[in-house]
């Protein structure tokens, strides 16, 4: 029996992050880790910039690999979504956006695979493994159940990336730009031949944030509204979870979402403002965002515009939830002290957790009702997650820094057996109460039921 490796691959606008769940052969317990990378300066980080560097004939993840003058190309995810929505265009002479994104993701996934493989050989010598990848994309379908073109395109891309990395596990460093097209063609053939897409799942980013919340050490039963302010989009979701017990004493866990939303707009616009104001290189602006004082962020008009986008995304989600039965009961309660929210805010993503955005969200109220602001909780990586070092060693005594926890949340949410959290009004009712069959399950997942 083969073991299972589940890679949560969070390709973000600014940063790419990975977490991994490992199920050893004939075992039900999962080992979970966040992946630490070594950047071009030799520093250990839990993420890599979503960018590539190019010179006149080569491309690399790291400027240090390229002789002469090199150009940095940021915003790969935004350019990829634009290419899918319209027409692919050259990022540099001889290489299209989709080809450069393919290069970036194959090299990052290859780093992850080498680290994981080193750990597996050391801990489980002789074992065979099945590798799957879960990735996310901004929610273009809201509460609709139909799979979108964007999700199909992302699934196809990740399938090609996985197939190529499995065929070339040692790929690293710079490559010639003229070779990219042949790599993509080879990956396409490999993914079709080996049906790699069957080992790839694409989840909505809003759902991935909700799935992360179910793993948290301090997960509190009840209703949560996740707020994920990324570089490109702001994603929100409202869901509930709680344990339950059947009349025969069997226990199971219940989770379902009310609504989710995605708005175009994130920290990239604030970073662009810093580039203009402080004459910074584009790749340096994002590095400064996390360290900006609250007053400095609030002084930027672009930050004020972003808070309005966040407000609108939360409002979209709450209006979607209002379609459920007895919505007021699910969302609010009246007390002698005044109206309170039944839901808490869970802040995930780097943009949600800057001091100024935290302050905004902790004072947020929905204009439709006069209520006290809900409690706002910053995401924390569960202590069960170890740290997978670049050399393949797993360290359970080390834990990410405070600023890294919300940034890694979506990757950790993806690092589990993929399942689709049901919408509240689609979950089973009656005696069965949504209890799933146990056969074939890796572990006790959360399942819909009301």
Protein backbone atom coordinates (compact mmCIF):
# COMPACT_ATOMS: atom_id res chain seq x y z
CA UNK A 1 0.00 0.00 0.00
CA UNK A 2 1.39 3.38 -1.01
CA UNK A 3 1.57 6.32 1.34
CA UNK A 4 -0.02 9.64 0.44
CA UNK A 5 1.58 13.08 0.17
CA UNK A 6 -0.83 16.04 -0.04
CA UNK A 7 0.78 19.33 -1.05
CA UNK A 8 -1.15 22.50 -0.29
CA UNK A 9 0.19 24.82 -3.00
CA UNK A 10 -0.83 28.46 -2.45
CA UNK A 11 0.22 30.44 -5.53
CA UNK A 12 -0.50 33.98 -4.45
CA UNK A 13 -0.21 37.34 -6.17
CA UNK A 14 2.80 38.37 -4.10
CA UNK A 15 3.99 35.15 -2.44
CA UNK A 16 3.86 31.40 -3.01
CA UNK A 17 3.52 29.21 0.08
CA UNK A 18 3.32 25.45 0.66
CA UNK A 19 2.21 23.10 3.42
CA UNK A 20 2.25 19.31 3.28
CA UNK A 21 0.27 16.48 4.87
CA UNK A 22 1.85 13.02 4.86
CA UNK A 23 -0.07 9.80 5.45
CA UNK A 24 2.45 6.95 5.84
CA UNK A 25 1.50 3.54 4.38
CA UNK A 26 -1.07 1.63 6.45
CA UNK A 27 -1.45 4.51 8.91
CA UNK A 28 -4.35 6.88 9.49
CA UNK A 29 -2.46 9.63 11.31
CA UNK A 30 -1.25 12.52 9.18
CA UNK A 31 2.07 14.29 9.65
CA UNK A 32 1.67 17.99 8.76
CA UNK A 33 4.41 20.51 7.99
CA UNK A 34 4.86 23.99 6.58
CA UNK A 35 7.66 24.23 4.03
CA UNK A 36 10.63 26.49 4.61
CA UNK A 37 12.52 27.75 1.56
CA UNK A 38 16.02 29.14 1.21
CA UNK A 39 15.84 32.38 -0.78
CA UNK A 40 18.49 33.84 -3.08
CA UNK A 41 20.21 35.54 -0.12
CA UNK A 42 20.46 32.23 1.75
CA UNK A 43 17.78 33.23 4.26
CA UNK A 44 15.19 30.68 5.39
CA UNK A 45 11.63 31.84 4.66
CA UNK A 46 8.19 30.26 4.57
CA UNK A 47 7.38 31.75 1.18
CA UNK A 48 8.94 32.73 -2.12
CA UNK A 49 8.00 35.80 -4.17
CA UNK A 50 5.62 35.03 -7.05
CA UNK A 51 8.01 36.46 -9.62
CA UNK A 52 10.69 35.58 -12.14
CA UNK A 53 13.92 37.26 -13.21
CA UNK A 54 15.07 37.38 -16.83
CA UNK A 55 18.09 38.60 -18.77
CA UNK A 56 18.47 38.63 -22.53
CA UNK A 57 18.28 34.85 -22.93
CA UNK A 58 17.52 33.15 -19.58
CA UNK A 59 14.92 32.98 -16.83
CA UNK A 60 15.24 32.13 -13.13
CA UNK A 61 13.53 32.43 -9.78
CA UNK A 62 16.66 34.15 -8.42
CA UNK A 63 18.49 37.17 -9.77
CA UNK A 64 21.79 35.69 -8.60
CA UNK A 65 21.52 32.93 -11.26
CA UNK A 66 21.58 35.42 -14.14
CA UNK A 67 24.71 37.21 -15.39
CA UNK A 68 24.53 40.79 -16.59
CA UNK A 69 21.46 43.01 -16.23
CA UNK A 70 18.34 41.18 -15.05
CA UNK A 71 14.74 42.37 -14.94
CA UNK A 72 12.23 41.42 -12.24
CA UNK A 73 8.68 40.46 -13.30
CA UNK A 74 6.13 40.70 -10.50
CA UNK A 75 2.41 40.04 -10.47
CA UNK A 76 2.56 36.71 -12.26
CA UNK A 77 -0.78 35.57 -10.90
CA UNK A 78 -2.58 38.72 -12.00
CA UNK A 79 -1.02 38.45 -15.45
CA UNK A 80 -2.00 34.79 -15.62
CA UNK A 81 -5.65 35.54 -14.79
CA UNK A 82 -5.62 38.33 -17.38
CA UNK A 83 -4.16 35.92 -19.96
CA UNK A 84 -6.88 33.37 -19.22
CA UNK A 85 -9.61 35.99 -19.42
CA UNK A 86 -8.31 37.51 -22.64
CA UNK A 87 -5.31 36.57 -24.75
CA UNK A 88 -1.89 35.34 -23.67
CA UNK A 89 0.86 37.86 -24.31
CA UNK A 90 4.64 37.92 -24.18
CA UNK A 91 6.10 38.66 -20.76
CA UNK A 92 9.53 38.91 -22.35
CA UNK A 93 10.63 38.41 -25.91
CA UNK A 94 10.12 34.76 -26.80
CA UNK A 95 8.13 33.75 -23.72
CA UNK A 96 4.44 34.18 -22.95
CA UNK A 97 2.94 34.82 -19.53
CA UNK A 98 1.58 31.27 -19.21
CA UNK A 99 5.01 29.83 -20.03
CA UNK A 100 6.78 32.00 -17.44
CA UNK A 101 4.19 31.07 -14.78
CA UNK A 102 4.73 27.40 -15.66
CA UNK A 103 8.47 27.90 -15.18
CA UNK A 104 7.99 29.54 -11.78
CA UNK A 105 5.59 26.91 -10.43
CA UNK A 106 7.61 23.93 -11.64
CA UNK A 107 10.76 25.22 -9.97
CA UNK A 108 9.00 25.97 -6.69
CA UNK A 109 7.15 22.63 -6.63
CA UNK A 110 10.43 20.84 -7.43
CA UNK A 111 12.02 22.45 -4.36
CA UNK A 112 9.10 21.30 -2.23
CA UNK A 113 9.19 17.79 -3.64
CA UNK A 114 12.94 17.41 -3.04
CA UNK A 115 12.59 18.49 0.59
CA UNK A 116 9.63 16.18 1.19
CA UNK A 117 11.29 13.28 -0.63
CA UNK A 118 14.43 13.64 1.48
CA UNK A 119 12.31 13.45 4.63
CA UNK A 120 10.36 10.42 3.35
CA UNK A 121 13.49 8.47 2.43
CA UNK A 122 14.91 9.11 5.89
CA UNK A 123 11.76 8.34 7.87
CA UNK A 124 10.10 5.67 5.74
CA UNK A 125 12.81 3.88 3.73
CA UNK A 126 11.48 1.70 0.93
CA UNK A 127 7.93 3.08 1.02
CA UNK A 128 6.14 4.11 -2.17
CA UNK A 129 4.05 7.27 -2.37
CA UNK A 130 1.19 8.85 -4.26
CA UNK A 131 1.56 12.61 -4.64
CA UNK A 132 -1.42 14.95 -4.95
CA UNK A 133 -1.58 18.74 -5.14
CA UNK A 134 -4.36 21.01 -3.91
CA UNK A 135 -4.28 24.60 -5.13
CA UNK A 136 -6.64 27.56 -4.87
CA UNK A 137 -7.98 30.30 -7.08
CA UNK A 138 -10.07 33.39 -6.35
CA UNK A 139 -13.77 32.59 -6.21
CA UNK A 140 -15.37 33.65 -9.48
CA UNK A 141 -18.61 31.74 -8.81
CA UNK A 142 -19.65 33.07 -5.41
CA UNK A 143 -22.17 30.60 -4.05
CA UNK A 144 -22.82 28.90 -7.39
CA UNK A 145 -21.98 25.22 -7.58
CA UNK A 146 -20.84 25.30 -11.21
CA UNK A 147 -17.12 24.91 -11.90
CA UNK A 148 -15.75 27.94 -13.72
CA UNK A 149 -13.37 28.22 -16.65
CA UNK A 150 -10.77 29.73 -14.32
CA UNK A 151 -10.86 26.68 -12.04
CA UNK A 152 -10.52 24.33 -15.02
CA UNK A 153 -7.58 26.36 -16.34
CA UNK A 154 -5.86 26.30 -12.95
CA UNK A 155 -6.40 22.55 -12.67
CA UNK A 156 -4.86 22.00 -16.11
CA UNK A 157 -1.87 24.21 -15.24
CA UNK A 158 -1.16 22.50 -11.92
CA UNK A 159 -1.56 19.07 -13.55
CA UNK A 160 1.10 19.99 -16.12
CA UNK A 161 3.37 21.38 -13.41
CA UNK A 162 3.05 18.21 -11.33
CA UNK A 163 3.66 15.94 -14.32
CA UNK A 164 6.78 17.85 -15.34
CA UNK A 165 8.24 17.89 -11.82
CA UNK A 166 7.67 14.15 -11.43
CA UNK A 167 9.55 13.58 -14.68
CA UNK A 168 12.33 16.05 -13.79
CA UNK A 169 12.61 16.11 -9.99
CA UNK A 170 16.07 17.73 -9.99
CA UNK A 171 15.25 20.82 -12.07
CA UNK A 172 16.73 23.95 -10.53
CA UNK A 173 18.47 27.19 -11.40
CA UNK A 174 18.17 29.19 -14.60
CA UNK A 175 16.82 27.93 -17.93
CA UNK A 176 17.00 29.27 -21.43
CA UNK A 177 13.92 31.20 -22.48
CA UNK A 178 13.85 29.44 -25.84
CA UNK A 179 13.40 26.09 -24.07
CA UNK A 180 10.23 27.06 -22.20
CA UNK A 181 7.81 26.22 -25.01
CA UNK A 182 9.25 22.70 -25.34
CA UNK A 183 8.95 22.21 -21.56
CA UNK A 184 5.29 23.19 -21.62
CA UNK A 185 4.60 20.87 -24.55
CA UNK A 186 6.35 17.98 -22.79
CA UNK A 187 4.39 18.66 -19.61
CA UNK A 188 1.11 18.64 -21.54
CA UNK A 189 1.92 15.24 -23.04
CA UNK A 190 3.02 13.83 -19.69
CA UNK A 191 -0.08 15.05 -17.86
CA UNK A 192 -2.34 13.44 -20.46
CA UNK A 193 -0.38 10.19 -20.56
CA UNK A 194 -0.38 9.78 -16.78
CA UNK A 195 -3.80 11.40 -16.12
CA UNK A 196 -2.13 13.70 -13.61
CA UNK A 197 -5.22 15.91 -13.35
CA UNK A 198 -6.86 13.17 -11.29
CA UNK A 199 -4.34 13.96 -8.55
CA UNK A 200 -5.02 17.72 -8.61
CA UNK A 201 -7.85 19.56 -6.87
CA UNK A 202 -8.67 23.28 -7.16
CA UNK A 203 -10.53 24.95 -4.30
CA UNK A 204 -11.90 28.43 -3.99
CA UNK A 205 -9.63 30.61 -1.84
CA UNK A 206 -12.55 31.52 0.41
CA UNK A 207 -13.22 27.82 1.02
CA UNK A 208 -9.53 27.07 1.66
CA UNK A 209 -9.55 29.71 4.40
CA UNK A 210 -12.60 28.07 5.97
CA UNK A 211 -10.95 24.63 5.80
CA UNK A 212 -7.91 26.06 7.59
CA UNK A 213 -10.12 27.28 10.43
CA UNK A 214 -11.29 23.72 11.10
CA UNK A 215 -7.70 22.65 11.87
CA UNK A 216 -6.86 25.42 14.34
CA UNK A 217 -5.86 24.54 17.90
CA UNK A 218 -8.14 27.26 19.22
CA UNK A 219 -11.00 26.61 16.80
CA UNK A 220 -14.16 27.65 18.60
CA UNK A 221 -17.44 26.02 17.71
CA UNK A 222 -19.77 28.51 16.08
CA UNK A 223 -19.99 30.80 13.08
CA UNK A 224 -16.97 32.46 11.50
CA UNK A 225 -16.47 35.01 8.75
CA UNK A 226 -13.04 34.67 7.17
CA UNK A 227 -11.38 37.77 5.71
CA UNK A 228 -8.46 37.12 3.36
CA UNK A 229 -6.92 40.33 2.01
CA UNK A 230 -4.34 39.21 -0.51
CA UNK A 231 -2.32 41.17 -2.99
CA UNK A 232 -4.78 40.76 -5.86
CA UNK A 233 -8.19 39.97 -4.36
CA UNK A 234 -10.13 40.14 -1.12
CA UNK A 235 -11.95 36.89 -0.33
CA UNK A 236 -14.53 36.34 2.38
CA UNK A 237 -16.62 33.38 3.53
CA UNK A 238 -19.20 32.79 6.26
CA UNK A 239 -19.53 29.27 7.66
CA UNK A 240 -20.32 27.36 10.84
CA UNK A 241 -19.04 24.20 12.45
CA UNK A 242 -19.85 22.20 15.54
CA UNK A 243 -19.66 18.62 16.81
CA UNK A 244 -22.81 16.55 16.95
CA UNK A 245 -23.93 13.18 18.30
CA UNK A 246 -26.45 10.75 16.85
CA UNK A 247 -29.07 8.98 18.96
CA UNK A 248 -26.94 5.83 18.89
CA UNK A 249 -24.03 7.70 20.45
CA UNK A 250 -21.87 8.00 17.33
CA UNK A 251 -20.08 11.34 17.11
CA UNK A 252 -19.37 13.32 14.00
CA UNK A 253 -18.52 16.87 13.06
CA UNK A 254 -20.62 19.31 11.12
CA UNK A 255 -19.57 22.16 8.81
CA UNK A 256 -21.32 24.15 6.10
CA UNK A 257 -20.98 27.60 4.57
CA UNK A 258 -23.66 30.22 4.10
CA UNK A 259 -21.99 32.34 1.43
CA UNK A 260 -18.63 33.46 0.07
CA UNK A 261 -17.44 36.33 -2.08
CA UNK A 262 -14.40 37.69 -3.89
CA UNK A 263 -13.62 41.28 -4.85
CA UNK A 264 -10.83 42.53 -7.08
CA UNK A 265 -8.51 44.62 -4.95
CA UNK A 266 -5.75 43.94 -2.44
CA UNK A 267 -2.42 45.09 -1.06
CA UNK A 268 -0.86 45.37 -4.52
CA UNK A 269 -2.42 48.82 -4.99
CA UNK A 270 -0.90 49.93 -1.68
CA UNK A 271 2.49 48.53 -2.72
CA UNK A 272 2.24 50.41 -6.02
CA UNK A 273 1.61 53.61 -4.06
CA UNK A 274 4.80 53.02 -2.09
CA UNK A 275 6.74 52.52 -5.31
CA UNK A 276 5.59 55.93 -6.52
CA UNK A 277 5.89 57.78 -3.22
CA UNK A 278 9.23 56.40 -2.03
CA UNK A 279 10.84 55.63 -5.42
CA UNK A 280 11.24 51.97 -4.47
CA UNK A 281 11.89 49.01 -6.75
CA UNK A 282 8.61 47.15 -7.23
CA UNK A 283 9.87 43.97 -5.58
CA UNK A 284 10.96 45.93 -2.47
CA UNK A 285 7.58 47.57 -1.88
CA UNK A 286 5.85 44.37 -0.77
CA UNK A 287 8.65 43.66 1.69
CA UNK A 288 7.98 47.01 3.36
CA UNK A 289 4.22 46.64 3.72
CA UNK A 290 4.29 44.34 6.72
CA UNK A 291 6.55 46.67 8.65
CA UNK A 292 4.73 49.94 8.00
CA UNK A 293 3.38 51.74 11.02
CA UNK A 294 -0.40 51.97 11.25
CA UNK A 295 -0.44 55.73 10.72
CA UNK A 296 1.75 55.46 7.64
CA UNK A 297 -0.55 52.93 6.01
CA UNK A 298 -3.65 54.90 6.87
CA UNK A 299 -2.13 58.02 5.29
CA UNK A 300 -2.17 56.35 1.85
CA UNK A 301 -5.34 56.99 -0.16
CA UNK A 302 -4.98 53.52 -1.70
CA UNK A 303 -5.27 51.94 1.74
CA UNK A 304 -8.53 53.80 2.31
CA UNK A 305 -9.81 52.50 -1.02
CA UNK A 306 -8.80 48.98 -0.01
CA UNK A 307 -10.74 49.14 3.25
CA UNK A 308 -13.81 50.02 1.21
CA UNK A 309 -13.25 46.93 -0.98
CA UNK A 310 -12.93 44.81 2.18
CA UNK A 311 -16.16 46.31 3.50
CA UNK A 312 -17.91 45.51 0.21
CA UNK A 313 -16.67 41.90 0.16
CA UNK A 314 -17.90 41.30 3.71
CA UNK A 315 -21.22 42.90 2.75
CA UNK A 316 -21.49 40.65 -0.33
CA UNK A 317 -21.04 37.59 1.87
CA UNK A 318 -23.55 38.71 4.48
CA UNK A 319 -26.14 39.55 1.82
CA UNK A 320 -25.59 36.09 0.33
CA UNK A 321 -26.09 34.54 3.76
CA UNK A 322 -29.32 36.51 4.12
CA UNK A 323 -30.90 34.11 1.62
CA UNK A 324 -30.77 31.30 4.21
CA UNK A 325 -33.74 30.43 6.38
CA UNK A 326 -34.10 32.70 9.44
CA UNK A 327 -30.90 34.63 8.59
CA UNK A 328 -31.10 37.04 11.50
CA UNK A 329 -31.03 34.13 13.94
CA UNK A 330 -27.83 32.78 12.37
CA UNK A 331 -26.02 36.11 12.36
CA UNK A 332 -27.15 38.26 15.29
CA UNK A 333 -28.58 38.13 18.76
CA UNK A 334 -30.21 40.83 20.86
CA UNK A 335 -29.06 41.15 24.45
CA UNK A 336 -29.78 43.60 27.25
CA UNK A 337 -26.53 45.38 26.38
CA UNK A 338 -27.36 45.64 22.69
CA UNK A 339 -27.15 43.72 19.42
CA UNK A 340 -24.22 41.32 19.09
CA UNK A 341 -22.82 39.31 16.17
CA UNK A 342 -23.08 35.54 16.42
CA UNK A 343 -20.05 35.27 14.16
CA UNK A 344 -16.37 36.03 14.72
CA UNK A 345 -13.95 37.38 12.11
CA UNK A 346 -10.99 35.16 11.23
CA UNK A 347 -8.18 37.15 9.61
CA UNK A 348 -6.05 35.23 7.11
CA UNK A 349 -3.59 36.46 4.51
CA UNK A 350 -0.83 39.00 4.98
CA UNK A 351 -2.95 41.98 4.04
CA UNK A 352 -5.61 41.21 6.65
CA UNK A 353 -3.10 41.33 9.46
CA UNK A 354 -1.22 44.57 8.95
CA UNK A 355 -1.78 46.73 12.05
CA UNK A 356 -3.96 49.24 10.19
CA UNK A 357 -6.19 46.58 8.60
CA UNK A 358 -6.53 44.74 11.91
CA UNK A 359 -7.64 47.99 13.53
CA UNK A 360 -10.17 48.59 10.75
CA UNK A 361 -11.61 45.08 11.00
CA UNK A 362 -11.83 45.15 14.79
CA UNK A 363 -14.01 48.25 14.49
CA UNK A 364 -16.04 47.01 11.51
CA UNK A 365 -19.84 47.00 11.64
CA UNK A 366 -22.39 46.17 8.97
CA UNK A 367 -24.31 49.28 7.99
CA UNK A 368 -27.54 47.29 7.74
CA UNK A 369 -27.69 46.80 11.52
CA UNK A 370 -26.67 48.71 14.58
CA UNK A 371 -24.48 46.16 16.40
CA UNK A 372 -21.29 45.82 18.39
CA UNK A 373 -18.20 44.93 16.30
CA UNK A 374 -17.55 41.18 16.21
CA UNK A 375 -14.47 39.64 17.77
CA UNK A 376 -11.57 39.53 15.26
CA UNK A 377 -9.05 36.68 15.57
CA UNK A 378 -5.75 36.49 13.65
CA UNK A 379 -5.09 33.04 12.15
CA UNK A 380 -2.57 30.84 13.96
CA UNK A 381 -0.94 27.74 12.47
CA UNK A 382 -1.83 24.65 14.55
CA UNK A 383 1.00 23.40 16.75
CA UNK A 384 0.66 19.98 15.12
CA UNK A 385 2.37 21.46 12.05
CA UNK A 386 6.14 21.02 12.08
CA UNK A 387 8.60 22.92 9.92
CA UNK A 388 10.09 21.13 6.91
CA UNK A 389 13.55 22.58 6.35
CA UNK A 390 15.09 22.81 2.90
CA UNK A 391 17.36 19.83 3.68
CA UNK A 392 14.37 17.58 4.43
CA UNK A 393 14.60 17.70 8.22
CA UNK A 394 11.34 18.18 10.11
CA UNK A 395 11.60 20.37 13.20
CA UNK A 396 8.64 20.32 15.60
CA UNK A 397 10.31 22.67 18.06
CA UNK A 398 10.37 25.52 15.54
CA UNK A 399 7.27 27.51 14.67
CA UNK A 400 6.69 30.35 12.18
CA UNK A 401 6.96 33.95 13.34
CA UNK A 402 3.73 35.73 14.20
CA UNK A 403 3.57 37.57 10.86
CA UNK A 404 3.89 34.30 8.92
CA UNK A 405 0.89 32.56 10.50
CA UNK A 406 -1.89 34.33 8.54
CA UNK A 407 0.21 34.24 5.37
CA UNK A 408 0.46 30.44 5.58
CA UNK A 409 -3.18 29.84 6.51
CA UNK A 410 -4.53 29.08 3.02
CA UNK A 411 -1.65 26.68 2.26
CA UNK A 412 -2.39 24.82 5.51
CA UNK A 413 -6.08 24.72 4.65
CA UNK A 414 -5.20 23.12 1.33
CA UNK A 415 -2.94 20.48 2.93
CA UNK A 416 -5.69 17.96 3.61
CA UNK A 417 -7.79 15.50 1.68
CA UNK A 418 -9.85 17.68 -0.68
CA UNK A 419 -13.55 17.90 -0.02
CA UNK A 420 -16.20 20.40 -0.90
CA UNK A 421 -17.82 22.02 2.11
CA UNK A 422 -21.55 22.08 1.33
CA UNK A 423 -23.65 25.20 1.27
CA UNK A 424 -25.97 25.52 4.28
CA UNK A 425 -29.21 25.08 2.35
CA UNK A 426 -27.89 22.02 0.45
CA UNK A 427 -26.87 19.89 3.41
CA UNK A 428 -28.78 16.73 4.32
CA UNK A 429 -31.60 16.86 6.85
CA UNK A 430 -33.40 14.18 8.76
CA UNK A 431 -32.14 11.08 10.60
CA UNK A 432 -29.00 10.64 8.46
CA UNK A 433 -27.93 14.17 9.39
CA UNK A 434 -25.22 14.20 6.74
CA UNK A 435 -23.09 11.45 8.29
CA UNK A 436 -20.70 10.20 5.58
CA UNK A 437 -19.53 6.62 5.09
CA UNK A 438 -16.25 5.98 6.89
CA UNK A 439 -14.77 3.62 4.29
CA UNK A 440 -11.96 5.13 2.28
CA UNK A 441 -11.55 8.20 4.49
CA UNK A 442 -8.07 9.21 5.56
CA UNK A 443 -9.21 10.85 8.76
CA UNK A 444 -12.27 12.36 10.43
CA UNK A 445 -13.15 15.25 8.18
CA UNK A 446 -15.82 17.85 8.77
CA UNK A 447 -19.03 17.01 6.98
CA UNK A 448 -22.21 18.86 6.21
CA UNK A 449 -25.22 18.40 8.40
CA UNK A 450 -27.64 20.68 10.20
